[in-house]
Amino acid sequence: MALTNLQYATLFREYEDKQMRSKKAQMERVYEIYSAIPEYEAADDAVSTASLEQARRLLQGDHDALDELKNRLRELKARKSSLLRAHGYPEDYLEPVFECPKCRDTGYIGSRKCTCLKQKIVSILYEQSNIKEHLSEENFDTLRTDFYQGEDLVAFQKTVDAAHAFVNNFKSEYRNLLFYGNVGVGKTFLSNCIAKELIEQGQLVLYFSASSLIEALRSNNSSQKTGEDLYNSNEDLYNCDLLLIDDLGTEYNNAYVSTQLFNCLNERHLRKKATLISTNLSLGEIRDRYSDRVFSRISSHYDLYKITGPDVRMSKKALSVRK
């Protein structure tokens, strides 16, 4: 799952528009100050004049020119701040105002994607996967336990409590979760509950079915990508706050797939980035299906919760038919 070139181009046009709006707003404030405080415009002109004069002197071999320029610019800066304060303006009134001060509305901090750009990308990916629609229906507010009884209810409630704790402690505690059990017992529903809460906290959450994750890894790790391109391709997978892998075990499996899965899980563990996996496989089936390294990583570094009970989806369908 990745954005198309057109989607990236659209995003960066949005960032360009933001920068243009910021520049326009800044220039409007500059003209306002020049009109209200003529002395400020004179101080700005003095800055330009001093810079040109010192540049000329440097070219002529005057090695004291740079120190003199620095002192003169400090004086002019203090003068401008004093003028703004004296006329009731904050000292930073003419500084550019950005929607995202971290990246200054460029989308990047150095060569790395800013959080604001990552969030936009995640939002588009969620729209493509239709998961937002699911989250509006599958969340803690709509969670029901009346389909479970006896030991099934006890196990499910324990898992629900763990899900709440995972969300509540997410910022302070690194944990990974594995929900496993038969089809329809509520694993994906509970995963979506967690995803919705963390998205609303502002966390970067990426959702993949197991098959789409492997396809993304296969595409990212293609032989045509090396070095920085390869790093950037995997950056979101490795660095998002929560990676949600749904239906592990439904993807085509071979040695290559097991290796790619291990690399992804291991890299996220090394970076202390949380991963949530749901699967219909038993622990024994996970051990038999994947490499020892994958099973060891999951069994050693994930909190394991087995959910048992009826097929809730079928139960809900039967209940709606009776109504």
C-alpha atoms as a PDB file:
ATOM      1  CA  MET A   1       0.000   0.000   0.000  1.00  0.00           C
ATOM      2  CA  ALA A   2       1.638   3.249  -1.142  1.00  0.00           C
ATOM      3  CA  LEU A   3       0.737   6.644  -2.547  1.00  0.00           C
ATOM      4  CA  THR A   4       0.829   7.241  -6.288  1.00  0.00           C
ATOM      5  CA  ASN A   5       3.037   9.923  -7.819  1.00  0.00           C
ATOM      6  CA  LEU A   6      -0.099  11.977  -8.440  1.00  0.00           C
ATOM      7  CA  GLN A   7      -1.099  11.778  -4.780  1.00  0.00           C
ATOM      8  CA  TYR A   8       2.387  12.869  -3.707  1.00  0.00           C
ATOM      9  CA  ALA A   9       2.292  15.735  -6.204  1.00  0.00           C
ATOM     10  CA  THR A  10      -1.072  16.847  -4.805  1.00  0.00           C
ATOM     11  CA  LEU A  11       0.287  16.776  -1.263  1.00  0.00           C
ATOM     12  CA  PHE A  12       3.306  18.887  -2.154  1.00  0.00           C
ATOM     13  CA  ARG A  13       1.131  21.419  -3.989  1.00  0.00           C
ATOM     14  CA  GLU A  14      -0.750  21.791  -0.707  1.00  0.00           C
ATOM     15  CA  TYR A  15       2.545  22.463   1.077  1.00  0.00           C
ATOM     16  CA  GLU A  16       3.555  25.003  -1.571  1.00  0.00           C
ATOM     17  CA  ASP A  17       0.205  26.752  -1.126  1.00  0.00           C
ATOM     18  CA  LYS A  18       0.775  26.874   2.637  1.00  0.00           C
ATOM     19  CA  GLN A  19       4.197  28.460   2.162  1.00  0.00           C
ATOM     20  CA  MET A  20       2.761  31.040  -0.245  1.00  0.00           C
ATOM     21  CA  ARG A  21      -0.017  31.936   2.206  1.00  0.00           C
ATOM     22  CA  SER A  22       2.515  32.265   5.015  1.00  0.00           C
ATOM     23  CA  LYS A  23       4.765  34.490   2.901  1.00  0.00           C
ATOM     24  CA  LYS A  24       1.827  36.662   1.844  1.00  0.00           C
ATOM     25  CA  ALA A  25       0.631  37.069   5.436  1.00  0.00           C
ATOM     26  CA  GLN A  26       4.157  37.956   6.534  1.00  0.00           C
ATOM     27  CA  MET A  27       4.536  40.626   3.828  1.00  0.00           C
ATOM     28  CA  GLU A  28       1.164  42.130   4.773  1.00  0.00           C
ATOM     29  CA  ARG A  29       2.396  42.482   8.362  1.00  0.00           C
ATOM     30  CA  VAL A  30       5.646  44.033   7.116  1.00  0.00           C
ATOM     31  CA  TYR A  31       3.735  46.700   5.129  1.00  0.00           C
ATOM     32  CA  GLU A  32       1.535  47.292   8.183  1.00  0.00           C
ATOM     33  CA  ILE A  33       4.604  47.912  10.371  1.00  0.00           C
ATOM     34  CA  TYR A  34       6.285  50.130   7.769  1.00  0.00           C
ATOM     35  CA  SER A  35       3.132  52.237   7.668  1.00  0.00           C
ATOM     36  CA  ALA A  36       2.713  52.396  11.439  1.00  0.00           C
ATOM     37  CA  ILE A  37       6.431  52.708  12.315  1.00  0.00           C
ATOM     38  CA  PRO A  38       8.473  54.493   9.605  1.00  0.00           C
ATOM     39  CA  GLU A  39      11.573  54.154  11.779  1.00  0.00           C
ATOM     40  CA  TYR A  40      11.316  50.364  11.440  1.00  0.00           C
ATOM     41  CA  GLU A  41      11.545  50.536   7.655  1.00  0.00           C
ATOM     42  CA  ALA A  42      14.578  52.788   8.037  1.00  0.00           C
ATOM     43  CA  ALA A  43      16.181  50.190  10.317  1.00  0.00           C
ATOM     44  CA  ASP A  44      15.509  47.479   7.730  1.00  0.00           C
ATOM     45  CA  ASP A  45      17.104  49.639   5.051  1.00  0.00           C
ATOM     46  CA  ALA A  46      20.094  50.155   7.351  1.00  0.00           C
ATOM     47  CA  VAL A  47      20.530  46.384   7.608  1.00  0.00           C
ATOM     48  CA  SER A  48      20.750  46.091   3.816  1.00  0.00           C
ATOM     49  CA  THR A  49      23.110  49.036   3.558  1.00  0.00           C
ATOM     50  CA  ALA A  50      25.402  47.700   6.292  1.00  0.00           C
ATOM     51  CA  SER A  51      25.535  44.244   4.694  1.00  0.00           C
ATOM     52  CA  LEU A  52      26.483  45.630   1.288  1.00  0.00           C
ATOM     53  CA  GLU A  53      29.120  47.949   2.759  1.00  0.00           C
ATOM     54  CA  GLN A  54      30.747  45.202   4.799  1.00  0.00           C
ATOM     55  CA  ALA A  55      30.708  42.847   1.784  1.00  0.00           C
ATOM     56  CA  ARG A  56      32.558  45.506  -0.231  1.00  0.00           C
ATOM     57  CA  ARG A  57      35.144  45.937   2.511  1.00  0.00           C
ATOM     58  CA  LEU A  58      35.666  42.171   2.783  1.00  0.00           C
ATOM     59  CA  LEU A  59      36.403  42.011  -0.933  1.00  0.00           C
ATOM     60  CA  GLN A  60      38.980  44.751  -0.427  1.00  0.00           C
ATOM     61  CA  GLY A  61      40.713  42.634   2.227  1.00  0.00           C
ATOM     62  CA  ASP A  62      39.364  44.371   5.345  1.00  0.00           C
ATOM     63  CA  HIS A  63      39.375  41.415   7.781  1.00  0.00           C
ATOM     64  CA  ASP A  64      37.710  43.417  10.564  1.00  0.00           C
ATOM     65  CA  ALA A  65      34.630  43.960   8.414  1.00  0.00           C
ATOM     66  CA  LEU A  66      32.855  40.747   9.491  1.00  0.00           C
ATOM     67  CA  ASP A  67      33.078  41.503  13.208  1.00  0.00           C
ATOM     68  CA  GLU A  68      31.916  45.061  12.598  1.00  0.00           C
ATOM     69  CA  LEU A  69      28.964  43.786  10.576  1.00  0.00           C
ATOM     70  CA  LYS A  70      27.924  41.394  13.334  1.00  0.00           C
ATOM     71  CA  ASN A  71      28.011  44.185  15.917  1.00  0.00           C
ATOM     72  CA  ARG A  72      26.063  46.538  13.649  1.00  0.00           C
ATOM     73  CA  LEU A  73      23.413  43.908  12.901  1.00  0.00           C
ATOM     74  CA  ARG A  74      22.993  43.170  16.624  1.00  0.00           C
ATOM     75  CA  GLU A  75      22.422  46.875  17.253  1.00  0.00           C
ATOM     76  CA  LEU A  76      19.853  47.106  14.445  1.00  0.00           C
ATOM     77  CA  LYS A  77      18.064  43.958  15.616  1.00  0.00           C
ATOM     78  CA  ALA A  78      17.778  45.381  19.123  1.00  0.00           C
ATOM     79  CA  ARG A  79      16.551  48.669  17.657  1.00  0.00           C
ATOM     80  CA  LYS A  80      13.800  46.934  15.663  1.00  0.00           C
ATOM     81  CA  SER A  81      12.672  44.881  18.667  1.00  0.00           C
ATOM     82  CA  SER A  82      12.531  48.044  20.751  1.00  0.00           C
ATOM     83  CA  LEU A  83      10.416  49.814  18.125  1.00  0.00           C
ATOM     84  CA  LEU A  84       7.910  46.940  17.968  1.00  0.00           C
ATOM     85  CA  ARG A  85       7.557  46.820  21.762  1.00  0.00           C
ATOM     86  CA  ALA A  86       7.183  50.585  21.988  1.00  0.00           C
ATOM     87  CA  HIS A  87       4.253  50.491  19.562  1.00  0.00           C
ATOM     88  CA  GLY A  88       2.504  47.560  21.247  1.00  0.00           C
ATOM     89  CA  TYR A  89       3.582  44.762  18.894  1.00  0.00           C
ATOM     90  CA  PRO A  90       5.175  41.473  19.989  1.00  0.00           C
ATOM     91  CA  GLU A  91       8.819  41.090  19.026  1.00  0.00           C
ATOM     92  CA  ASP A  92       8.041  38.115  16.777  1.00  0.00           C
ATOM     93  CA  TYR A  93       5.234  39.898  14.925  1.00  0.00           C
ATOM     94  CA  LEU A  94       7.079  39.801  11.610  1.00  0.00           C
ATOM     95  CA  GLU A  95       8.252  36.209  11.905  1.00  0.00           C
ATOM     96  CA  PRO A  96       6.604  33.793   9.433  1.00  0.00           C
ATOM     97  CA  VAL A  97       3.677  31.837  10.865  1.00  0.00           C
ATOM     98  CA  PHE A  98       3.524  28.218   9.751  1.00  0.00           C
ATOM     99  CA  GLU A  99       0.843  25.596  10.209  1.00  0.00           C
ATOM    100  CA  CYS A 100       3.680  23.242  11.166  1.00  0.00           C
ATOM    101  CA  PRO A 101       6.597  25.098  12.779  1.00  0.00           C
ATOM    102  CA  LYS A 102       8.686  21.901  12.876  1.00  0.00           C
ATOM    103  CA  CYS A 103       9.079  21.624   9.091  1.00  0.00           C
ATOM    104  CA  ARG A 104       8.078  25.214   8.250  1.00  0.00           C
ATOM    105  CA  ASP A 105       5.345  23.819   5.979  1.00  0.00           C
ATOM    106  CA  THR A 106       7.759  21.941   3.736  1.00  0.00           C
ATOM    107  CA  GLY A 107       6.787  18.428   4.844  1.00  0.00           C
ATOM    108  CA  TYR A 108      10.405  17.560   5.607  1.00  0.00           C
ATOM    109  CA  ILE A 109      12.908  18.112   8.402  1.00  0.00           C
ATOM    110  CA  GLY A 110      16.185  17.687   6.588  1.00  0.00           C
ATOM    111  CA  SER A 111      15.727  14.541   4.509  1.00  0.00           C
ATOM    112  CA  ARG A 112      13.155  12.979   6.863  1.00  0.00           C
ATOM    113  CA  LYS A 113       9.392  13.221   6.536  1.00  0.00           C
ATOM    114  CA  CYS A 114       7.849  15.507   9.132  1.00  0.00           C
ATOM    115  CA  THR A 115       5.099  14.154  11.388  1.00  0.00           C
ATOM    116  CA  CYS A 116       2.566  16.360   9.606  1.00  0.00           C
ATOM    117  CA  LEU A 117       3.387  14.787   6.226  1.00  0.00           C
ATOM    118  CA  LYS A 118       3.332  11.290   7.695  1.00  0.00           C
ATOM    119  CA  GLN A 119      -0.097  11.976   9.155  1.00  0.00           C
ATOM    120  CA  LYS A 120      -1.394  13.157   5.784  1.00  0.00           C
ATOM    121  CA  ILE A 121      -0.031  10.040   4.106  1.00  0.00           C
ATOM    122  CA  VAL A 122      -1.584   7.796   6.750  1.00  0.00           C
ATOM    123  CA  SER A 123      -4.915   9.579   6.321  1.00  0.00           C
ATOM    124  CA  ILE A 124      -4.875   8.936   2.568  1.00  0.00           C
ATOM    125  CA  LEU A 125      -3.911   5.300   3.103  1.00  0.00           C
ATOM    126  CA  TYR A 126      -6.798   4.891   5.517  1.00  0.00           C
ATOM    127  CA  GLU A 127      -9.190   6.358   2.997  1.00  0.00           C
ATOM    128  CA  GLN A 128      -7.908   3.909   0.386  1.00  0.00           C
ATOM    129  CA  SER A 129      -8.283   0.922   2.692  1.00  0.00           C
ATOM    130  CA  ASN A 130     -11.772   2.011   3.848  1.00  0.00           C
ATOM    131  CA  ILE A 131     -10.685   1.380   7.439  1.00  0.00           C
ATOM    132  CA  LYS A 132     -12.022   4.763   8.615  1.00  0.00           C
ATOM    133  CA  GLU A 133     -15.505   3.530   7.849  1.00  0.00           C
ATOM    134  CA  HIS A 134     -14.797   0.435   9.939  1.00  0.00           C
ATOM    135  CA  LEU A 135     -13.466   2.522  12.821  1.00  0.00           C
ATOM    136  CA  SER A 136     -16.696   4.505  12.970  1.00  0.00           C
ATOM    137  CA  GLU A 137     -18.520   1.221  13.582  1.00  0.00           C
ATOM    138  CA  GLU A 138     -15.877  -0.793  15.422  1.00  0.00           C
ATOM    139  CA  ASN A 139     -14.677   1.028  18.515  1.00  0.00           C
ATOM    140  CA  PHE A 140     -14.838   0.783  22.293  1.00  0.00           C
ATOM    141  CA  ASP A 141     -18.181   2.613  22.341  1.00  0.00           C
ATOM    142  CA  THR A 142     -19.830  -0.061  20.184  1.00  0.00           C
ATOM    143  CA  LEU A 143     -18.023  -3.007  21.793  1.00  0.00           C
ATOM    144  CA  ARG A 144     -20.388  -5.718  23.051  1.00  0.00           C
ATOM    145  CA  THR A 145     -19.650  -8.648  25.340  1.00  0.00           C
ATOM    146  CA  ASP A 146     -23.109 -10.250  25.410  1.00  0.00           C
ATOM    147  CA  PHE A 147     -22.134 -12.772  22.719  1.00  0.00           C
ATOM    148  CA  TYR A 148     -19.615 -14.367  25.088  1.00  0.00           C
ATOM    149  CA  GLN A 149     -20.320 -16.647  28.031  1.00  0.00           C
ATOM    150  CA  GLY A 150     -18.428 -18.456  30.762  1.00  0.00           C
ATOM    151  CA  GLU A 151     -14.700 -18.865  30.157  1.00  0.00           C
ATOM    152  CA  ASP A 152     -15.025 -17.214  26.754  1.00  0.00           C
ATOM    153  CA  LEU A 153     -16.377 -14.070  28.422  1.00  0.00           C
ATOM    154  CA  VAL A 154     -13.610 -14.089  31.044  1.00  0.00           C
ATOM    155  CA  ALA A 155     -10.917 -14.408  28.337  1.00  0.00           C
ATOM    156  CA  PHE A 156     -12.490 -11.728  26.154  1.00  0.00           C
ATOM    157  CA  GLN A 157     -12.879  -9.261  29.031  1.00  0.00           C
ATOM    158  CA  LYS A 158      -9.236  -9.850  29.964  1.00  0.00           C
ATOM    159  CA  THR A 159      -8.243  -8.997  26.396  1.00  0.00           C
ATOM    160  CA  VAL A 160     -10.457  -5.887  26.401  1.00  0.00           C
ATOM    161  CA  ASP A 161      -8.802  -4.737  29.631  1.00  0.00           C
ATOM    162  CA  ALA A 162      -5.400  -5.308  28.042  1.00  0.00           C
ATOM    163  CA  ALA A 163      -6.456  -3.266  25.008  1.00  0.00           C
ATOM    164  CA  HIS A 164      -7.489  -0.341  27.229  1.00  0.00           C
ATOM    165  CA  ALA A 165      -4.190  -0.551  29.119  1.00  0.00           C
ATOM    166  CA  PHE A 166      -2.274  -0.659  25.841  1.00  0.00           C
ATOM    167  CA  VAL A 167      -3.944   2.578  24.730  1.00  0.00           C
ATOM    168  CA  ASN A 168      -3.682   4.328  28.107  1.00  0.00           C
ATOM    169  CA  ASN A 169       0.028   3.536  28.517  1.00  0.00           C
ATOM    170  CA  PHE A 170       0.991   3.832  24.860  1.00  0.00           C
ATOM    171  CA  LYS A 171       3.131   6.954  25.208  1.00  0.00           C
ATOM    172  CA  SER A 172       5.066   5.703  28.223  1.00  0.00           C
ATOM    173  CA  GLU A 173       5.319   1.945  27.694  1.00  0.00           C
ATOM    174  CA  TYR A 174       6.584  -0.059  24.719  1.00  0.00           C
ATOM    175  CA  ARG A 175       4.459  -3.164  24.147  1.00  0.00           C
ATOM    176  CA  ASN A 176       3.360  -5.420  21.287  1.00  0.00           C
ATOM    177  CA  LEU A 177       0.141  -7.432  21.103  1.00  0.00           C
ATOM    178  CA  LEU A 178      -0.934 -10.647  19.394  1.00  0.00           C
ATOM    179  CA  PHE A 179      -4.638 -11.493  19.243  1.00  0.00           C
ATOM    180  CA  TYR A 180      -5.259 -15.045  18.087  1.00  0.00           C
ATOM    181  CA  GLY A 181      -8.258 -17.352  17.900  1.00  0.00           C
ATOM    182  CA  ASN A 182     -10.908 -18.696  15.564  1.00  0.00           C
ATOM    183  CA  VAL A 183     -12.609 -16.721  12.795  1.00  0.00           C
ATOM    184  CA  GLY A 184     -15.090 -14.083  13.912  1.00  0.00           C
ATOM    185  CA  VAL A 185     -14.354 -13.988  17.642  1.00  0.00           C
ATOM    186  CA  GLY A 186     -13.549 -10.257  17.699  1.00  0.00           C
ATOM    187  CA  LYS A 187      -9.797  -9.987  17.035  1.00  0.00           C
ATOM    188  CA  THR A 188     -10.038  -7.450  14.215  1.00  0.00           C
ATOM    189  CA  PHE A 189     -12.825  -5.563  16.001  1.00  0.00           C
ATOM    190  CA  LEU A 190     -10.654  -5.134  19.080  1.00  0.00           C
ATOM    191  CA  SER A 191      -7.657  -4.141  16.941  1.00  0.00           C
ATOM    192  CA  ASN A 192      -9.802  -1.436  15.343  1.00  0.00           C
ATOM    193  CA  CYS A 193     -10.844  -0.214  18.786  1.00  0.00           C
ATOM    194  CA  ILE A 194      -7.187   0.340  19.635  1.00  0.00           C
ATOM    195  CA  ALA A 195      -6.426   1.928  16.266  1.00  0.00           C
ATOM    196  CA  LYS A 196      -9.255   4.458  16.610  1.00  0.00           C
ATOM    197  CA  GLU A 197      -8.196   5.549  20.091  1.00  0.00           C
ATOM    198  CA  LEU A 198      -4.566   6.016  19.095  1.00  0.00           C
ATOM    199  CA  ILE A 199      -5.404   7.867  15.884  1.00  0.00           C
ATOM    200  CA  GLU A 200      -7.513  10.274  17.934  1.00  0.00           C
ATOM    201  CA  GLN A 201      -4.497  10.754  20.231  1.00  0.00           C
ATOM    202  CA  GLY A 202      -2.540  11.864  17.172  1.00  0.00           C
ATOM    203  CA  GLN A 203      -0.459   8.689  16.905  1.00  0.00           C
ATOM    204  CA  LEU A 204       0.651   7.473  13.478  1.00  0.00           C
ATOM    205  CA  VAL A 205      -1.137   4.158  12.903  1.00  0.00           C
ATOM    206  CA  LEU A 206      -0.675   2.099   9.759  1.00  0.00           C
ATOM    207  CA  TYR A 207      -3.046  -0.752   8.914  1.00  0.00           C
ATOM    208  CA  PHE A 208      -2.124  -3.633   6.607  1.00  0.00           C
ATOM    209  CA  SER A 209      -3.639  -6.974   5.898  1.00  0.00           C
ATOM    210  CA  ALA A 210      -0.853  -9.555   6.041  1.00  0.00           C
ATOM    211  CA  SER A 211      -0.905  -9.974   2.261  1.00  0.00           C
ATOM    212  CA  SER A 212      -0.751  -6.218   1.584  1.00  0.00           C
ATOM    213  CA  LEU A 213       2.110  -5.849   4.071  1.00  0.00           C
ATOM    214  CA  ILE A 214       4.169  -8.488   2.283  1.00  0.00           C
ATOM    215  CA  GLU A 215       3.388  -6.852  -1.056  1.00  0.00           C
ATOM    216  CA  ALA A 216       4.507  -3.475   0.315  1.00  0.00           C
ATOM    217  CA  LEU A 217       7.735  -4.983   1.641  1.00  0.00           C
ATOM    218  CA  ARG A 218       8.321  -6.767  -1.658  1.00  0.00           C
ATOM    219  CA  SER A 219       7.834  -3.511  -3.570  1.00  0.00           C
ATOM    220  CA  ASN A 220       9.945  -1.459  -1.168  1.00  0.00           C
ATOM    221  CA  ASN A 221      12.798  -3.947  -1.264  1.00  0.00           C
ATOM    222  CA  SER A 222      12.861  -4.349  -5.038  1.00  0.00           C
ATOM    223  CA  SER A 223      16.285  -4.691  -6.616  1.00  0.00           C
ATOM    224  CA  GLN A 224      15.890  -1.273  -8.238  1.00  0.00           C
ATOM    225  CA  LYS A 225      16.019   0.474  -4.862  1.00  0.00           C
ATOM    226  CA  THR A 226      19.239   0.944  -2.929  1.00  0.00           C
ATOM    227  CA  GLY A 227      20.623   3.138  -0.187  1.00  0.00           C
ATOM    228  CA  GLU A 228      18.539   6.200   0.686  1.00  0.00           C
ATOM    229  CA  ASP A 229      15.672   5.190  -1.614  1.00  0.00           C
ATOM    230  CA  LEU A 230      15.341   1.850   0.150  1.00  0.00           C
ATOM    231  CA  TYR A 231      15.494   3.499   3.569  1.00  0.00           C
ATOM    232  CA  ASN A 232      12.822   6.040   2.657  1.00  0.00           C
ATOM    233  CA  SER A 233      10.571   3.317   1.215  1.00  0.00           C
ATOM    234  CA  ASN A 234      10.589   1.418   4.519  1.00  0.00           C
ATOM    235  CA  GLU A 235      10.676   4.456   6.807  1.00  0.00           C
ATOM    236  CA  ASP A 236       6.936   4.639   7.438  1.00  0.00           C
ATOM    237  CA  LEU A 237       6.646   0.899   8.033  1.00  0.00           C
ATOM    238  CA  TYR A 238       9.498   0.941  10.528  1.00  0.00           C
ATOM    239  CA  ASN A 239       8.769   4.263  12.227  1.00  0.00           C
ATOM    240  CA  CYS A 240       4.980   4.604  12.475  1.00  0.00           C
ATOM    241  CA  ASP A 241       3.817   4.574  16.094  1.00  0.00           C
ATOM    242  CA  LEU A 242       1.659   1.475  15.634  1.00  0.00           C
ATOM    243  CA  LEU A 243       1.739  -1.061  12.812  1.00  0.00           C
ATOM    244  CA  LEU A 244      -1.457  -3.108  12.704  1.00  0.00           C
ATOM    245  CA  ILE A 245      -1.129  -6.412  10.806  1.00  0.00           C
ATOM    246  CA  ASP A 246      -4.487  -8.087  10.260  1.00  0.00           C
ATOM    247  CA  ASP A 247      -5.111 -11.735   9.365  1.00  0.00           C
ATOM    248  CA  LEU A 248      -1.547 -12.988   9.631  1.00  0.00           C
ATOM    249  CA  GLY A 249      -1.486 -16.373   7.939  1.00  0.00           C
ATOM    250  CA  THR A 250      -3.750 -15.541   5.003  1.00  0.00           C
ATOM    251  CA  GLU A 251      -0.817 -14.386   2.845  1.00  0.00           C
ATOM    252  CA  TYR A 252       1.099 -16.688   0.517  1.00  0.00           C
ATOM    253  CA  ASN A 253       4.047 -17.980   2.486  1.00  0.00           C
ATOM    254  CA  ASN A 254       7.559 -19.085   1.589  1.00  0.00           C
ATOM    255  CA  ALA A 255      11.093 -18.515   2.878  1.00  0.00           C
ATOM    256  CA  TYR A 256      11.225 -15.049   1.322  1.00  0.00           C
ATOM    257  CA  VAL A 257       7.971 -13.988   3.020  1.00  0.00           C
ATOM    258  CA  SER A 258       9.180 -15.281   6.403  1.00  0.00           C
ATOM    259  CA  THR A 259      12.420 -13.343   5.999  1.00  0.00           C
ATOM    260  CA  GLN A 260      10.633 -10.114   5.079  1.00  0.00           C
ATOM    261  CA  LEU A 261       8.195 -10.522   7.980  1.00  0.00           C
ATOM    262  CA  PHE A 262      11.009 -11.135  10.441  1.00  0.00           C
ATOM    263  CA  ASN A 263      12.984  -8.138   9.184  1.00  0.00           C
ATOM    264  CA  CYS A 264       9.958  -5.876   9.611  1.00  0.00           C
ATOM    265  CA  LEU A 265       9.061  -7.149  13.102  1.00  0.00           C
ATOM    266  CA  ASN A 266      12.689  -7.138  14.218  1.00  0.00           C
ATOM    267  CA  GLU A 267      13.396  -3.624  12.937  1.00  0.00           C
ATOM    268  CA  ARG A 268      10.324  -2.268  14.698  1.00  0.00           C
ATOM    269  CA  HIS A 269      11.333  -4.038  17.909  1.00  0.00           C
ATOM    270  CA  LEU A 270      14.828  -2.551  17.735  1.00  0.00           C
ATOM    271  CA  ARG A 271      13.269   0.888  17.337  1.00  0.00           C
ATOM    272  CA  LYS A 272      10.752   0.224  20.148  1.00  0.00           C
ATOM    273  CA  LYS A 273       7.804   0.806  17.828  1.00  0.00           C
ATOM    274  CA  ALA A 274       4.622  -1.046  18.759  1.00  0.00           C
ATOM    275  CA  THR A 275       3.078  -3.721  16.546  1.00  0.00           C
ATOM    276  CA  LEU A 276      -0.344  -5.343  16.848  1.00  0.00           C
ATOM    277  CA  ILE A 277      -0.994  -8.632  15.042  1.00  0.00           C
ATOM    278  CA  SER A 278      -4.288 -10.501  14.686  1.00  0.00           C
ATOM    279  CA  THR A 279      -4.417 -14.034  13.325  1.00  0.00           C
ATOM    280  CA  ASN A 280      -6.637 -17.091  13.035  1.00  0.00           C
ATOM    281  CA  LEU A 281      -3.569 -19.280  13.523  1.00  0.00           C
ATOM    282  CA  SER A 282      -2.797 -21.025  16.778  1.00  0.00           C
ATOM    283  CA  LEU A 283       0.625 -20.533  18.353  1.00  0.00           C
ATOM    284  CA  GLY A 284       1.644 -23.963  17.095  1.00  0.00           C
ATOM    285  CA  GLU A 285       0.559 -23.066  13.573  1.00  0.00           C
ATOM    286  CA  ILE A 286       2.540 -19.817  13.727  1.00  0.00           C
ATOM    287  CA  ARG A 287       5.613 -21.818  14.786  1.00  0.00           C
ATOM    288  CA  ASP A 288       5.133 -24.340  11.965  1.00  0.00           C
ATOM    289  CA  ARG A 289       4.265 -21.803   9.266  1.00  0.00           C
ATOM    290  CA  TYR A 290       7.052 -19.285   9.804  1.00  0.00           C
ATOM    291  CA  SER A 291      10.726 -19.424  10.607  1.00  0.00           C
ATOM    292  CA  ASP A 292      11.984 -20.029  14.132  1.00  0.00           C
ATOM    293  CA  ARG A 293      13.156 -16.418  14.174  1.00  0.00           C
ATOM    294  CA  VAL A 294       9.633 -15.086  13.501  1.00  0.00           C
ATOM    295  CA  PHE A 295       8.079 -17.332  16.159  1.00  0.00           C
ATOM    296  CA  SER A 296      10.788 -16.441  18.662  1.00  0.00           C
ATOM    297  CA  ARG A 297      10.321 -12.713  18.054  1.00  0.00           C
ATOM    298  CA  ILE A 298       6.545 -12.959  18.561  1.00  0.00           C
ATOM    299  CA  SER A 299       6.580 -15.338  21.525  1.00  0.00           C
ATOM    300  CA  SER A 300       9.326 -13.380  23.303  1.00  0.00           C
ATOM    301  CA  HIS A 301       8.275  -9.781  22.704  1.00  0.00           C
ATOM    302  CA  TYR A 302       4.487  -9.839  22.314  1.00  0.00           C
ATOM    303  CA  ASP A 303       1.713 -10.086  24.886  1.00  0.00           C
ATOM    304  CA  LEU A 304      -0.363 -13.029  23.665  1.00  0.00           C
ATOM    305  CA  TYR A 305      -4.147 -13.062  24.021  1.00  0.00           C
ATOM    306  CA  LYS A 306      -6.287 -15.946  22.861  1.00  0.00           C
ATOM    307  CA  ILE A 307      -9.898 -14.996  22.157  1.00  0.00           C
ATOM    308  CA  THR A 308     -12.449 -17.805  22.157  1.00  0.00           C
ATOM    309  CA  GLY A 309     -16.178 -17.908  21.644  1.00  0.00           C
ATOM    310  CA  PRO A 310     -18.772 -17.914  18.882  1.00  0.00           C
ATOM    311  CA  ASP A 311     -18.459 -16.304  15.464  1.00  0.00           C
ATOM    312  CA  VAL A 312     -19.756 -12.888  16.504  1.00  0.00           C
ATOM    313  CA  ARG A 313     -20.355 -11.783  12.935  1.00  0.00           C
ATOM    314  CA  MET A 314     -22.573 -14.788  12.295  1.00  0.00           C
ATOM    315  CA  SER A 315     -24.337 -14.257  15.615  1.00  0.00           C
ATOM    316  CA  LYS A 316     -25.057 -10.622  14.750  1.00  0.00           C
ATOM    317  CA  LYS A 317     -26.306 -11.632  11.316  1.00  0.00           C
ATOM    318  CA  ALA A 318     -28.619 -14.278  12.793  1.00  0.00           C
ATOM    319  CA  LEU A 319     -29.895 -11.755  15.349  1.00  0.00           C
ATOM    320  CA  SER A 320     -30.678  -9.183  12.630  1.00  0.00           C
ATOM    321  CA  VAL A 321     -32.548 -11.824  10.608  1.00  0.00           C
ATOM    322  CA  ARG A 322     -34.720 -12.744  13.624  1.00  0.00           C
ATOM    323  CA  LYS A 323     -35.563  -9.089  14.114  1.00  0.00           C
END
